[in-house]
Amino acid sequence: MGRDITKCHPELQVLAARLIEKCRKKGLIVKLGECYRTVEEQNRLYALGRTEKGNIVTYAKGTDYDSMHQWGIAFDIIRNDGKEAYNNSDGWFNKAGKIGKDIGLEWGGDWTKPVDLPHFQLKYWGSTPAGLKKLYKTPDNFKKTWKDVFIAKKEEYEVVETGYININGRTIKIDKIVKDGRNFINLRGLENAGFTVGYNSSTKVPSLDNKTEDIDISANGNISRIKAINIKGNNYVQIRELAKVLGDIEVGYTDGTVILNKTERY
């Protein structure tokens, strides 16, 4: 079955990544399960317990477009901490469900028929595909609207969150933002790691208005150009570009933490 979240609605992709990260911070290790399903995939599931051996797992028929998974606005999760994938004896899925609801997803655990603890979906069109079918007839017609909707809402996806950065063995908290698939960190946050961060009023650095553009940065007596995003007066710079400017810095990434190490010259 389909476990490729990139085939789903762009907003769902963003929220799925956000759910995984927020769950991780709470000690809940999440792995994506079912995402987008074709008509054929949905029909195979529908056949279980009916025309094929097995238990009934869905009441949604593929040829009727009755599953939100077919419309690309739903995904399921599984537990990925070494315990059974659907073990909820300790309320694991209830905790993940609350996090999903907090970031704006509809959670199947709130349903009564059936209760679907691993299931999350976008909630703009109701809990069933009835509204989508009325508006768009087929999932293919619906997909044609995704690009315009995503562009209109793009600014909402650029959320500043607290991350961690490790500099020469010391881990500090730092504000970060993900844009175009890259991590940007707040320059001011590096002061907590012993860096001196200032502003030269004689250089006319423009306000970037939440767009990725180049700014001047002085490091070790040299002025270089580096990409940045300006949000509420704070510049966020791309980590690997910053490492190049500082020199003798290696960038790594382990267990969700960015690692910066100063290399030695011989």
Protein backbone atom coordinates (compact mmCIF):
# COMPACT_ATOMS: atom_id res chain seq x y z
CA MET A 1 0.00 0.00 0.00
CA GLY A 2 1.01 3.61 -0.42
CA ARG A 3 3.28 5.10 2.24
CA ASP A 4 4.55 7.99 0.14
CA ILE A 5 3.48 11.24 1.83
CA THR A 6 4.77 13.25 -1.15
CA LYS A 7 1.76 12.06 -3.13
CA CYS A 8 -0.54 13.77 -0.65
CA HIS A 9 -1.80 17.35 -0.38
CA PRO A 10 1.11 19.79 0.21
CA GLU A 11 -0.38 21.05 3.47
CA LEU A 12 -0.74 17.50 4.75
CA GLN A 13 2.94 16.89 3.98
CA VAL A 14 3.90 19.86 6.14
CA LEU A 15 1.63 18.86 9.00
CA ALA A 16 2.80 15.24 8.89
CA ALA A 17 6.41 16.38 9.31
CA ARG A 18 5.36 18.72 12.10
CA LEU A 19 3.48 15.93 13.88
CA ILE A 20 6.48 13.60 13.71
CA GLU A 21 8.80 16.30 15.10
CA LYS A 22 6.48 17.39 17.91
CA CYS A 23 5.83 13.78 18.89
CA ARG A 24 9.58 13.12 18.94
CA LYS A 25 10.06 15.96 21.41
CA LYS A 26 7.50 14.26 23.66
CA GLY A 27 9.25 10.91 23.40
CA LEU A 28 6.79 9.43 20.90
CA ILE A 29 8.61 7.86 17.94
CA VAL A 30 6.24 8.04 14.98
CA LYS A 31 6.50 6.39 11.59
CA LEU A 32 4.13 7.11 8.73
CA GLY A 33 1.90 4.25 7.64
CA GLU A 34 -0.78 4.47 4.98
CA CYS A 35 -0.81 7.74 3.01
CA TYR A 36 -2.18 8.13 -0.52
CA ARG A 37 -4.09 5.16 -1.95
CA THR A 38 -5.08 4.43 -5.52
CA VAL A 39 -8.51 3.04 -6.45
CA GLU A 40 -6.96 -0.41 -6.81
CA GLU A 41 -5.25 -0.25 -3.42
CA GLN A 42 -8.43 0.86 -1.71
CA ASN A 43 -10.46 -1.87 -3.42
CA ARG A 44 -7.99 -4.53 -2.23
CA LEU A 45 -8.44 -3.34 1.34
CA TYR A 46 -12.21 -3.26 0.91
CA ALA A 47 -12.18 -6.88 -0.30
CA LEU A 48 -10.66 -8.15 2.98
CA GLY A 49 -13.33 -9.88 5.03
CA ARG A 50 -15.71 -9.77 2.10
CA THR A 51 -14.48 -11.47 -1.07
CA GLU A 52 -10.97 -12.13 0.28
CA LYS A 53 -9.77 -13.87 3.43
CA GLY A 54 -9.08 -11.62 6.39
CA ASN A 55 -10.81 -9.18 8.69
CA ILE A 56 -12.77 -6.16 7.53
CA VAL A 57 -10.43 -3.16 7.79
CA THR A 58 -12.37 -0.48 5.90
CA TYR A 59 -15.89 0.46 4.91
CA ALA A 60 -14.67 2.67 2.06
CA LYS A 61 -14.91 1.30 -1.47
CA GLY A 62 -12.20 2.40 -3.87
CA THR A 63 -14.33 2.77 -6.98
CA ASP A 64 -16.66 5.09 -5.06
CA TYR A 65 -13.76 7.31 -3.85
CA ASP A 66 -14.99 6.74 -0.30
CA SER A 67 -11.62 6.97 1.49
CA MET A 68 -9.93 10.24 2.42
CA HIS A 69 -6.65 8.46 1.62
CA GLN A 70 -7.70 8.39 -2.05
CA TRP A 71 -8.14 12.16 -1.97
CA GLY A 72 -4.60 12.63 -0.65
CA ILE A 73 -5.64 14.37 2.56
CA ALA A 74 -5.14 11.57 5.10
CA PHE A 75 -2.34 9.51 6.59
CA ASP A 76 -1.99 6.86 9.28
CA ILE A 77 0.82 6.50 11.79
CA ILE A 78 2.42 3.52 13.49
CA ARG A 79 4.42 3.25 16.66
CA ASN A 80 8.14 2.91 15.94
CA ASP A 81 9.77 2.50 19.36
CA GLY A 82 10.30 -1.25 19.33
CA LYS A 83 6.89 -2.07 20.72
CA GLU A 84 3.94 -3.36 18.70
CA ALA A 85 3.03 -0.97 15.89
CA TYR A 86 -0.52 -0.41 17.16
CA ASN A 87 0.01 -0.94 20.89
CA ASN A 88 -2.01 1.64 22.83
CA SER A 89 -1.89 0.07 26.29
CA ASP A 90 -0.10 3.17 27.60
CA GLY A 91 -2.22 5.67 25.68
CA TRP A 92 0.49 6.22 23.06
CA PHE A 93 -1.97 6.95 20.24
CA ASN A 94 -4.06 9.21 22.47
CA LYS A 95 -0.98 11.32 23.18
CA ALA A 96 -0.10 11.48 19.49
CA GLY A 97 -3.73 12.27 18.69
CA LYS A 98 -3.74 15.28 21.01
CA ILE A 99 -0.58 16.62 19.37
CA GLY A 100 -2.11 16.15 15.92
CA LYS A 101 -5.25 18.03 16.95
CA ASP A 102 -3.16 20.83 18.45
CA ILE A 103 -1.51 21.47 15.06
CA GLY A 104 -4.85 21.50 13.25
CA LEU A 105 -5.42 17.93 12.07
CA GLU A 106 -8.59 15.89 12.50
CA TRP A 107 -7.92 12.71 14.48
CA GLY A 108 -9.73 9.45 13.83
CA GLY A 109 -9.59 8.63 17.52
CA ASP A 110 -12.43 11.10 18.06
CA TRP A 111 -14.73 9.14 15.77
CA THR A 112 -17.29 6.65 17.01
CA LYS A 113 -17.78 4.45 13.92
CA PRO A 114 -15.14 3.41 13.46
CA VAL A 115 -12.66 4.64 16.07
CA ASP A 116 -9.44 4.99 14.05
CA LEU A 117 -6.58 5.81 16.43
CA PRO A 118 -3.73 5.90 13.84
CA HIS A 119 -5.63 8.14 11.39
CA PHE A 120 -5.15 11.89 10.76
CA GLN A 121 -6.57 14.09 8.00
CA LEU A 122 -7.13 17.66 6.87
CA LYS A 123 -10.48 18.86 8.17
CA TYR A 124 -11.52 21.58 5.70
CA TRP A 125 -13.90 19.32 3.78
CA GLY A 126 -15.57 17.41 6.61
CA SER A 127 -14.90 13.96 8.03
CA THR A 128 -16.03 12.04 4.94
CA PRO A 129 -15.39 12.47 1.19
CA ALA A 130 -19.00 13.52 0.54
CA GLY A 131 -18.13 17.22 0.27
CA LEU A 132 -15.10 16.55 -1.91
CA LYS A 133 -17.09 14.37 -4.30
CA LYS A 134 -19.74 17.07 -4.60
CA LEU A 135 -17.16 19.77 -5.34
CA TYR A 136 -14.62 17.92 -7.48
CA LYS A 137 -16.19 14.59 -8.57
CA THR A 138 -12.82 12.76 -8.64
CA PRO A 139 -9.49 12.93 -6.76
CA ASP A 140 -7.71 13.85 -10.02
CA ASN A 141 -9.84 17.00 -10.36
CA PHE A 142 -9.14 17.84 -6.73
CA LYS A 143 -5.37 17.48 -7.20
CA LYS A 144 -5.40 20.19 -9.86
CA THR A 145 -6.25 22.73 -7.13
CA TRP A 146 -3.38 21.82 -4.82
CA LYS A 147 -0.71 24.12 -6.24
CA ASP A 148 -2.81 27.28 -6.01
CA VAL A 149 -4.01 26.45 -2.51
CA PHE A 150 -0.46 25.78 -1.35
CA ILE A 151 0.86 29.07 -2.75
CA ALA A 152 -1.96 31.00 -1.09
CA LYS A 153 -1.19 29.44 2.29
CA LYS A 154 2.58 29.17 1.99
CA GLU A 155 3.37 31.89 4.53
CA GLU A 156 1.39 29.98 7.15
CA TYR A 157 3.77 27.03 6.85
CA GLU A 158 6.87 29.02 7.73
CA VAL A 159 6.70 28.61 11.50
CA VAL A 160 9.54 29.54 13.83
CA GLU A 161 10.25 26.65 16.18
CA THR A 162 12.82 25.88 18.86
CA GLY A 163 15.56 23.54 17.75
CA TYR A 164 18.92 22.40 19.04
CA ILE A 165 22.42 23.02 17.76
CA ASN A 166 25.61 21.39 19.00
CA ILE A 167 28.79 23.50 18.81
CA ASN A 168 32.03 21.78 19.82
CA GLY A 169 30.26 19.41 22.19
CA ARG A 170 27.88 21.95 23.73
CA THR A 171 24.17 21.73 22.91
CA ILE A 172 22.10 24.93 22.99
CA LYS A 173 18.55 25.82 22.05
CA ILE A 174 18.11 28.03 19.00
CA ASP A 175 15.16 29.33 16.96
CA LYS A 176 14.94 27.78 13.53
CA ILE A 177 12.73 27.77 10.48
CA VAL A 178 12.48 25.37 7.53
CA LYS A 179 12.08 26.99 4.12
CA ASP A 180 12.37 25.26 0.75
CA GLY A 181 13.56 22.11 2.51
CA ARG A 182 16.49 23.85 4.27
CA ASN A 183 17.12 24.70 7.91
CA PHE A 184 17.67 28.36 8.82
CA ILE A 185 18.72 29.42 12.31
CA ASN A 186 18.45 32.75 14.14
CA LEU A 187 21.82 34.55 14.15
CA ARG A 188 21.13 36.09 17.56
CA GLY A 189 20.76 32.62 19.00
CA LEU A 190 24.46 32.00 18.38
CA GLU A 191 25.29 34.50 21.14
CA ASN A 192 24.41 31.74 23.61
CA ALA A 193 27.27 29.73 22.13
CA GLY A 194 29.83 32.49 22.64
CA PHE A 195 29.58 34.21 19.26
CA THR A 196 29.43 38.00 19.04
CA VAL A 197 26.56 39.00 16.78
CA GLY A 198 26.26 42.65 15.77
CA TYR A 199 24.84 44.99 13.18
CA ASN A 200 26.78 47.50 11.11
CA SER A 201 24.49 50.50 10.64
CA SER A 202 26.71 51.88 7.87
CA THR A 203 25.83 48.96 5.60
CA LYS A 204 22.34 49.31 4.24
CA VAL A 205 21.04 45.79 4.84
CA PRO A 206 17.48 45.62 3.50
CA SER A 207 14.49 44.10 5.28
CA LEU A 208 13.99 40.75 3.58
CA ASP A 209 10.24 40.52 4.22
CA ASN A 210 10.29 36.76 4.77
CA LYS A 211 12.01 36.10 1.44
CA THR A 212 15.25 34.20 0.97
CA GLU A 213 17.82 36.80 -0.16
CA ASP A 214 21.50 37.59 0.29
CA ILE A 215 22.83 39.75 3.12
CA ASP A 216 26.34 40.87 4.03
CA ILE A 217 27.98 39.17 7.01
CA SER A 218 31.39 39.96 8.47
CA ALA A 219 33.30 36.95 9.81
CA ASN A 220 36.94 36.87 10.84
CA GLY A 221 37.48 40.28 9.24
CA ASN A 222 36.07 39.29 5.86
CA ILE A 223 32.72 40.34 4.39
CA SER A 224 30.77 37.59 2.64
CA ARG A 225 27.31 37.18 1.16
CA ILE A 226 24.97 34.68 2.76
CA LYS A 227 21.31 33.76 2.27
CA ALA A 228 18.90 34.76 5.03
CA ILE A 229 15.24 35.14 5.93
CA ASN A 230 14.15 38.14 8.00
CA ILE A 231 11.21 37.41 10.31
CA LYS A 232 10.05 39.97 12.86
CA GLY A 233 13.41 41.73 12.76
CA ASN A 234 15.52 38.59 13.15
CA ASN A 235 17.77 37.18 10.42
CA TYR A 236 17.70 33.40 9.90
CA VAL A 237 20.66 32.05 7.97
CA GLN A 238 21.21 28.71 6.26
CA ILE A 239 23.47 26.61 8.46
CA ARG A 240 25.81 25.20 5.83
CA GLU A 241 26.36 28.63 4.29
CA LEU A 242 27.16 30.06 7.71
CA ALA A 243 29.72 27.30 8.31
CA LYS A 244 31.47 28.18 5.05
CA VAL A 245 31.67 31.84 6.05
CA LEU A 246 33.04 31.09 9.53
CA GLY A 247 35.64 28.72 8.07
CA ASP A 248 37.07 25.54 9.57
CA ILE A 249 33.56 24.45 10.57
CA GLU A 250 32.05 21.09 9.74
CA VAL A 251 28.27 20.59 9.76
CA GLY A 252 26.58 17.34 10.70
CA TYR A 253 23.12 16.16 11.67
CA THR A 254 22.41 13.44 14.26
CA ASP A 255 19.09 12.46 15.87
CA GLY A 256 17.43 15.77 15.04
CA THR A 257 20.34 17.88 16.33
CA VAL A 258 22.60 19.99 14.10
CA ILE A 259 26.29 19.41 14.91
CA LEU A 260 28.89 22.15 14.34
CA ASN A 261 32.53 21.24 14.99
CA LYS A 262 35.60 23.38 14.52
CA THR A 263 38.21 21.54 12.49
CA GLU A 264 41.90 21.73 13.23
CA ARG A 265 44.44 22.96 10.70
CA TYR A 266 47.76 21.17 10.37
